[in-house]
Amino acid sequence: MSSASYVYTFPSVRGVQAGRVFYISQCPVRLLPRLFSFTDGDLPPEMRAQRALNPKRVPEIASYITDNRDSYVFSAITASVDSDVMFTPNPPGQDHLGDLHVPMDARFIINDGQHRHAAYAAALELDPTLGDETVGVVFFIDQGLSRSQQMFADLNRHSVKPSPSIGVLYDHRDELADLTRQIVQQVRALSTLVEREKTTLAPKSRKLFTLSAIHHCHRALTAGIDAARRASLAVEFWDATFAAFGDWRSVAEGQLAAGEVRQEMIHSHGTVLHALGRAGNAFERQTDGDWARFTEVVGGIDWRRAPDSPWNGRVVIAGHVSKSNQSTALASSYIKSALGLDLSVDEVRFEEALKGSVNS
């Protein structure tokens, strides 16, 4: 008996899209490595139906599965089958529900989801109990390389990664994201000024900060700080910072337009918030925690976005606020120097490079 006499049987839903039949089914995780294999990784791009697998992404996705066994979620894998298949309605007499029979010598080509597939295979080696779980699969009938390449292009054409801000808003696994949401709600003045969904602010936006910028600030502020101290530190930091910046309070009270502050001052921009977080972290570590002094010193810094501002060449480059790591470090070093704090290695390096460029 030939191998074509043996079949895989998948309980499926039959559908039609753009005049082509497809099948929605599910596959046991233990069968994924056996059904879907990659044999064209060394081919040139024009001869492949998929992008090349990036092995560096696989361990991270596999860890996501194994670290969140009771809550991980994946979308379906999309695949083409390069063989004749047979669909048997079950129960007989209807067209949409039934069993899809695929010859065992058929080749399954993944059009979307190869990294999920590879991550499942890696996670299965770490946790064999995954084998009894299932993953959704959408099967199309293979119509050649050109069609498979077009399917890949179409499936990825309109995919848009969520903004970092909404990622922070919706991520309930990340403790720092939890802290950011908590602080934004707890510090009343801050709550009214944060854009929770977008990553950029429109010129006429009434908000001063994005949630992602606050999150980056908290990451720097709480780095290496004991977990029990982080929330209280963040509250003290924001209370001290709001006390330093009268413009922020005026915007929160509706006395000043947020767009005007962002245009004329740099202290609400993400780069500077990140730098303030770094300075706040050093202040917590290197001093006795007199946040009134932090307010006094930070409030006395010239934050203007003007030609004679100390931020030109540090943060403002060619008239625009830079988001580079160098600008963040240079902003941090300026604030920390004003506070009399020790600089980090990278801050010292960037300071020396800035002085060298000025003197040359």
Protein backbone atom coordinates (compact mmCIF):
# COMPACT_ATOMS: atom_id res chain seq x y z
CA MET A 1 0.00 0.00 0.00
CA SER A 2 1.43 3.41 -0.96
CA SER A 3 1.93 6.17 1.58
CA ALA A 4 -0.78 8.13 -0.21
CA SER A 5 -3.29 5.58 1.13
CA TYR A 6 -2.70 6.89 4.64
CA VAL A 7 -4.23 10.21 5.64
CA TYR A 8 -4.35 12.76 8.41
CA THR A 9 -7.91 13.56 9.42
CA PHE A 10 -8.73 16.99 10.81
CA PRO A 11 -12.22 17.93 12.07
CA SER A 12 -12.75 21.14 10.13
CA VAL A 13 -14.99 23.98 9.10
CA ARG A 14 -15.11 24.52 5.35
CA GLY A 15 -15.25 28.07 4.02
CA VAL A 16 -14.85 30.06 0.82
CA GLN A 17 -12.72 33.20 0.49
CA ALA A 18 -12.15 35.04 -2.80
CA GLY A 19 -13.69 32.03 -4.55
CA ARG A 20 -11.16 29.63 -3.01
CA VAL A 21 -12.03 26.89 -0.55
CA PHE A 22 -10.20 26.85 2.79
CA TYR A 23 -10.53 24.85 5.98
CA ILE A 24 -10.32 25.91 9.61
CA SER A 25 -9.10 23.21 11.95
CA GLN A 26 -6.86 22.56 14.93
CA CYS A 27 -3.76 20.47 15.30
CA PRO A 28 -2.26 18.80 18.38
CA VAL A 29 0.96 20.56 19.34
CA ARG A 30 2.86 17.25 19.35
CA LEU A 31 2.18 16.87 15.60
CA LEU A 32 3.45 20.34 14.64
CA PRO A 33 7.14 19.37 14.25
CA ARG A 34 6.12 16.35 12.18
CA LEU A 35 3.65 18.10 9.89
CA PHE A 36 5.42 21.38 9.26
CA SER A 37 9.10 21.31 8.39
CA PHE A 38 11.40 23.86 6.80
CA THR A 39 13.50 22.60 3.93
CA ASP A 40 13.96 25.81 1.95
CA GLY A 41 15.83 27.96 4.46
CA ASP A 42 18.96 28.01 2.33
CA LEU A 43 17.15 28.96 -0.87
CA PRO A 44 17.33 32.53 -2.18
CA PRO A 45 14.35 34.70 -1.13
CA GLU A 46 12.71 34.60 -4.56
CA MET A 47 12.51 30.79 -4.33
CA ARG A 48 10.92 30.69 -0.87
CA ALA A 49 7.28 30.99 0.18
CA GLN A 50 8.22 32.58 3.51
CA ARG A 51 10.78 34.86 5.08
CA ALA A 52 13.79 33.08 6.55
CA LEU A 53 13.30 31.79 10.07
CA ASN A 54 15.04 34.00 12.62
CA PRO A 55 16.37 31.57 15.28
CA LYS A 56 16.95 34.42 17.74
CA ARG A 57 13.21 35.01 18.08
CA VAL A 58 12.36 31.40 18.92
CA PRO A 59 13.68 31.12 22.53
CA GLU A 60 11.82 34.27 23.59
CA ILE A 61 8.52 33.01 22.18
CA ALA A 62 9.10 29.53 23.63
CA SER A 63 9.75 31.06 27.05
CA TYR A 64 6.51 33.03 26.73
CA ILE A 65 4.66 29.72 26.32
CA THR A 66 6.36 27.85 29.15
CA ASP A 67 6.33 30.82 31.55
CA ASN A 68 2.61 31.39 31.02
CA ARG A 69 1.24 27.86 30.77
CA ASP A 70 -2.13 28.86 32.19
CA SER A 71 -2.63 32.02 30.16
CA TYR A 72 -0.57 32.10 26.93
CA VAL A 73 -2.50 32.73 23.72
CA PHE A 74 -1.59 32.34 20.04
CA SER A 75 -3.44 33.06 16.83
CA ALA A 76 -3.88 30.39 14.18
CA ILE A 77 -1.15 29.23 11.82
CA THR A 78 -1.92 29.61 8.12
CA ALA A 79 -0.66 26.86 5.83
CA SER A 80 -0.99 25.62 2.27
CA VAL A 81 -1.28 21.89 1.42
CA ASP A 82 0.39 20.79 -1.81
CA SER A 83 -1.86 17.77 -2.37
CA ASP A 84 -5.39 16.82 -3.25
CA VAL A 85 -7.54 16.67 -0.13
CA MET A 86 -10.95 15.24 0.57
CA PHE A 87 -13.63 16.83 2.73
CA THR A 88 -16.31 14.57 4.19
CA PRO A 89 -19.36 16.41 5.58
CA ASN A 90 -20.21 15.33 9.11
CA PRO A 91 -23.08 14.98 9.63
CA PRO A 92 -23.91 14.17 6.00
CA GLY A 93 -26.06 16.64 4.13
CA GLN A 94 -24.41 19.89 5.15
CA ASP A 95 -21.48 21.67 3.52
CA HIS A 96 -19.55 23.44 6.24
CA LEU A 97 -18.75 20.97 9.04
CA GLY A 98 -16.87 17.74 8.50
CA ASP A 99 -13.53 15.97 8.31
CA LEU A 100 -10.62 17.06 6.15
CA HIS A 101 -8.53 14.14 4.90
CA VAL A 102 -4.95 15.00 3.88
CA PRO A 103 -2.51 12.40 2.50
CA MET A 104 0.39 11.74 4.85
CA ASP A 105 2.88 12.39 2.07
CA ALA A 106 1.48 15.89 1.50
CA ARG A 107 3.75 18.88 2.15
CA PHE A 108 2.49 21.61 4.47
CA ILE A 109 3.85 25.08 3.68
CA ILE A 110 3.45 27.70 6.40
CA ASN A 111 2.30 31.02 5.00
CA ASP A 112 2.03 32.75 8.36
CA GLY A 113 3.23 31.59 11.78
CA GLN A 114 6.57 29.86 11.24
CA HIS A 115 8.08 31.41 14.38
CA ARG A 116 5.09 30.32 16.45
CA HIS A 117 5.52 26.82 15.03
CA ALA A 118 9.25 26.75 15.84
CA ALA A 119 8.59 28.12 19.33
CA TYR A 120 6.00 25.42 19.99
CA ALA A 121 8.54 22.78 18.97
CA ALA A 122 11.14 24.25 21.34
CA ALA A 123 8.65 24.60 24.18
CA LEU A 124 7.49 21.02 23.65
CA GLU A 125 10.99 19.79 24.44
CA LEU A 126 10.89 21.68 27.73
CA ASP A 127 7.33 20.73 28.65
CA PRO A 128 5.98 17.57 26.96
CA THR A 129 2.50 18.21 28.45
CA LEU A 130 2.06 20.83 25.73
CA GLY A 131 1.66 17.97 23.26
CA ASP A 132 -1.96 17.44 24.24
CA GLU A 133 -2.91 21.05 23.59
CA THR A 134 -4.01 22.29 20.19
CA VAL A 135 -3.28 25.22 17.91
CA GLY A 136 -5.61 26.62 15.30
CA VAL A 137 -4.66 26.03 11.67
CA VAL A 138 -6.16 27.53 8.53
CA PHE A 139 -5.52 25.26 5.54
CA PHE A 140 -5.48 26.48 1.95
CA ILE A 141 -4.82 24.33 -1.10
CA ASP A 142 -1.39 25.10 -2.50
CA GLN A 143 -1.52 26.78 -5.90
CA GLY A 144 2.19 27.19 -6.49
CA LEU A 145 5.06 29.32 -5.30
CA SER A 146 3.73 32.60 -6.65
CA ARG A 147 0.41 32.17 -4.85
CA SER A 148 2.15 31.19 -1.60
CA GLN A 149 4.40 34.24 -1.81
CA GLN A 150 1.38 36.45 -2.48
CA MET A 151 -0.42 34.96 0.52
CA PHE A 152 2.55 35.80 2.75
CA ALA A 153 2.62 39.37 1.41
CA ASP A 154 -1.14 39.80 1.84
CA LEU A 155 -1.23 38.31 5.35
CA ASN A 156 1.47 40.73 6.51
CA ARG A 157 0.46 43.74 4.42
CA HIS A 158 -1.89 45.33 6.92
CA SER A 159 -0.46 44.03 10.19
CA VAL A 160 0.21 46.93 12.57
CA LYS A 161 2.08 46.51 15.82
CA PRO A 162 0.20 48.05 18.75
CA SER A 163 1.61 51.30 20.07
CA PRO A 164 3.97 50.98 23.05
CA SER A 165 1.53 53.01 25.15
CA ILE A 166 -1.41 50.67 24.62
CA GLY A 167 0.97 47.76 25.17
CA VAL A 168 1.71 49.14 28.65
CA LEU A 169 -1.99 49.79 29.24
CA TYR A 170 -3.02 46.22 28.43
CA ASP A 171 -0.03 44.22 29.73
CA HIS A 172 -1.00 42.62 33.04
CA ARG A 173 1.99 40.27 33.19
CA ASP A 174 4.66 42.96 33.42
CA GLU A 175 5.07 44.22 37.00
CA LEU A 176 6.51 47.51 35.78
CA ALA A 177 3.49 48.06 33.54
CA ASP A 178 1.27 47.42 36.57
CA LEU A 179 3.28 49.97 38.54
CA THR A 180 3.01 52.55 35.74
CA ARG A 181 -0.78 52.22 35.55
CA GLN A 182 -1.03 52.36 39.33
CA ILE A 183 1.04 55.53 39.63
CA VAL A 184 -0.74 57.28 36.79
CA GLN A 185 -4.03 56.68 38.60
CA GLN A 186 -2.67 57.51 42.04
CA VAL A 187 -0.93 60.80 41.23
CA ARG A 188 -3.93 62.92 40.31
CA ALA A 189 -2.06 65.68 38.48
CA LEU A 190 -0.26 63.08 36.38
CA SER A 191 -3.43 61.18 35.52
CA THR A 192 -4.99 64.10 33.67
CA LEU A 193 -1.91 64.68 31.52
CA VAL A 194 -1.18 61.18 30.17
CA GLU A 195 -2.11 59.95 26.70
CA ARG A 196 -2.80 56.27 27.32
CA GLU A 197 -3.09 54.95 23.77
CA LYS A 198 -0.92 56.89 21.34
CA THR A 199 2.87 57.06 21.31
CA THR A 200 3.06 60.56 19.84
CA LEU A 201 1.17 63.68 20.79
CA ALA A 202 -0.60 65.89 18.26
CA PRO A 203 0.34 69.60 18.41
CA LYS A 204 -3.09 70.47 19.84
CA SER A 205 -3.28 67.54 22.25
CA ARG A 206 -4.22 68.46 25.81
CA LYS A 207 -1.84 65.84 27.14
CA LEU A 208 1.78 66.39 28.15
CA PHE A 209 3.05 62.81 28.30
CA THR A 210 2.49 59.44 26.68
CA LEU A 211 2.02 56.35 28.82
CA SER A 212 5.03 54.73 27.15
CA ALA A 213 7.23 57.71 28.11
CA ILE A 214 6.09 57.42 31.73
CA HIS A 215 6.85 53.68 31.55
CA HIS A 216 10.41 54.29 30.31
CA CYS A 217 10.88 56.85 33.07
CA HIS A 218 9.75 54.29 35.66
CA ARG A 219 12.08 51.67 34.22
CA ALA A 220 15.04 53.99 34.78
CA LEU A 221 13.77 55.26 38.14
CA THR A 222 13.24 51.82 39.67
CA ALA A 223 16.25 49.98 38.19
CA GLY A 224 17.87 47.95 40.96
CA ILE A 225 15.46 49.28 43.59
CA ASP A 226 13.85 46.80 45.99
CA ALA A 227 10.35 45.85 44.81
CA ALA A 228 8.77 46.95 48.10
CA ARG A 229 10.16 50.47 47.63
CA ARG A 230 9.30 51.09 43.97
CA ALA A 231 5.73 52.37 44.31
CA SER A 232 6.50 54.80 47.13
CA LEU A 233 9.64 55.96 45.30
CA ALA A 234 7.61 56.68 42.17
CA VAL A 235 5.03 58.70 44.11
CA GLU A 236 7.76 60.74 45.84
CA PHE A 237 9.51 61.28 42.52
CA TRP A 238 6.40 62.57 40.76
CA ASP A 239 5.34 64.75 43.68
CA ALA A 240 8.82 66.31 43.70
CA THR A 241 8.91 66.73 39.93
CA PHE A 242 5.47 68.33 39.71
CA ALA A 243 6.52 70.68 42.49
CA ALA A 244 9.57 71.64 40.40
CA PHE A 245 7.63 72.35 37.21
CA GLY A 246 4.95 75.00 37.60
CA ASP A 247 4.12 74.65 33.89
CA TRP A 248 2.96 71.07 34.47
CA ARG A 249 0.66 72.16 37.28
CA SER A 250 -0.73 74.98 35.16
CA VAL A 251 -1.59 72.57 32.35
CA ALA A 252 -3.21 70.15 34.82
CA GLU A 253 -5.31 73.02 36.19
CA GLY A 254 -6.34 74.17 32.71
CA GLN A 255 -4.46 77.48 32.96
CA LEU A 256 -1.94 76.71 30.24
CA ALA A 257 -2.09 74.83 26.92
CA ALA A 258 -0.14 71.57 26.82
CA GLY A 259 0.99 72.23 23.24
CA GLU A 260 2.48 75.56 24.25
CA VAL A 261 4.52 73.95 27.02
CA ARG A 262 5.80 71.18 24.72
CA GLN A 263 6.77 73.75 22.11
CA GLU A 264 8.65 76.12 24.43
CA MET A 265 10.07 73.75 27.06
CA ILE A 266 11.71 70.32 26.87
CA HIS A 267 10.93 68.92 30.33
CA SER A 268 7.81 67.00 29.24
CA HIS A 269 9.45 65.21 26.30
CA GLY A 270 10.11 61.48 26.56
CA THR A 271 13.90 61.83 26.36
CA VAL A 272 13.95 64.19 29.33
CA LEU A 273 11.44 62.12 31.33
CA HIS A 274 13.74 59.13 30.86
CA ALA A 275 16.69 61.25 31.98
CA LEU A 276 14.75 62.49 35.02
CA GLY A 277 14.05 58.86 35.90
CA ARG A 278 17.78 58.09 35.74
CA ALA A 279 18.54 61.10 37.90
CA GLY A 280 15.82 60.13 40.37
CA ASN A 281 17.29 56.64 40.65
CA ALA A 282 20.76 58.04 41.39
CA PHE A 283 19.26 60.53 43.87
CA GLU A 284 17.58 57.66 45.72
CA ARG A 285 20.82 55.69 45.86
CA GLN A 286 23.35 58.43 46.56
CA THR A 287 21.54 60.80 48.97
CA ASP A 288 19.42 60.74 52.10
CA GLY A 289 16.28 61.16 50.00
CA ASP A 290 15.52 64.84 50.62
CA TRP A 291 13.11 65.23 47.73
CA ALA A 292 12.53 68.89 48.59
CA ARG A 293 16.11 69.46 47.51
CA PHE A 294 15.45 67.50 44.30
CA THR A 295 12.54 69.87 43.62
CA GLU A 296 14.62 72.97 44.30
CA VAL A 297 17.54 71.96 42.09
CA VAL A 298 15.53 70.55 39.19
CA GLY A 299 13.16 73.51 39.29
CA GLY A 300 16.12 75.88 39.00
CA ILE A 301 17.43 74.35 35.75
CA ASP A 302 16.86 76.25 32.51
CA TRP A 303 14.45 74.03 30.58
CA ARG A 304 13.78 76.40 27.71
CA ARG A 305 13.87 75.17 24.15
CA ALA A 306 15.76 78.20 22.86
CA PRO A 307 18.96 78.97 20.90
CA ASP A 308 20.84 79.86 24.09
CA SER A 309 19.49 76.84 26.00
CA PRO A 310 21.97 74.42 27.61
CA TRP A 311 20.05 71.63 25.88
CA ASN A 312 21.23 72.53 22.39
CA GLY A 313 23.64 69.81 21.30
CA ARG A 314 22.54 67.61 24.17
CA VAL A 315 18.87 66.99 23.54
CA VAL A 316 17.86 69.49 20.87
CA ILE A 317 19.61 68.53 17.64
CA ALA A 318 18.98 70.64 14.51
CA GLY A 319 15.90 72.09 16.17
CA HIS A 320 14.35 68.75 17.11
CA VAL A 321 14.28 66.85 20.40
CA SER A 322 16.43 63.76 19.90
CA LYS A 323 15.33 60.36 21.20
CA SER A 324 18.76 58.76 21.01
CA ASN A 325 20.46 56.98 23.89
CA GLN A 326 23.22 59.57 23.69
CA SER A 327 20.77 62.44 24.19
CA THR A 328 19.14 60.62 27.11
CA ALA A 329 22.55 60.11 28.74
CA LEU A 330 23.57 63.73 28.16
CA ALA A 331 20.32 65.00 29.62
CA SER A 332 20.73 62.70 32.60
CA SER A 333 24.33 63.78 33.19
CA TYR A 334 23.33 67.45 33.14
CA ILE A 335 20.56 66.91 35.71
CA LYS A 336 22.74 64.69 37.90
CA SER A 337 25.60 67.19 37.81
CA ALA A 338 23.23 69.90 39.00
CA LEU A 339 22.21 67.59 41.86
CA GLY A 340 25.84 66.80 42.69
CA LEU A 341 25.44 63.11 41.84
CA ASP A 342 27.99 60.71 40.41
CA LEU A 343 27.69 60.00 36.69
CA SER A 344 27.52 56.56 35.13
CA VAL A 345 30.24 55.28 32.80
CA ASP A 346 28.24 55.98 29.65
CA GLU A 347 27.29 59.46 30.87
CA VAL A 348 30.96 60.32 31.46
CA ARG A 349 31.85 58.98 28.02
CA PHE A 350 29.17 61.03 26.27
CA GLU A 351 30.11 64.15 28.25
CA GLU A 352 33.71 63.82 27.14
CA ALA A 353 32.64 63.30 23.54
CA LEU A 354 30.41 66.41 23.72
CA LYS A 355 33.23 68.53 25.16
CA GLY A 356 35.56 67.25 22.46
CA SER A 357 33.12 68.18 19.69
CA VAL A 358 32.64 71.66 21.15
CA ASN A 359 36.36 72.32 21.47
CA SER A 360 37.27 70.97 18.04
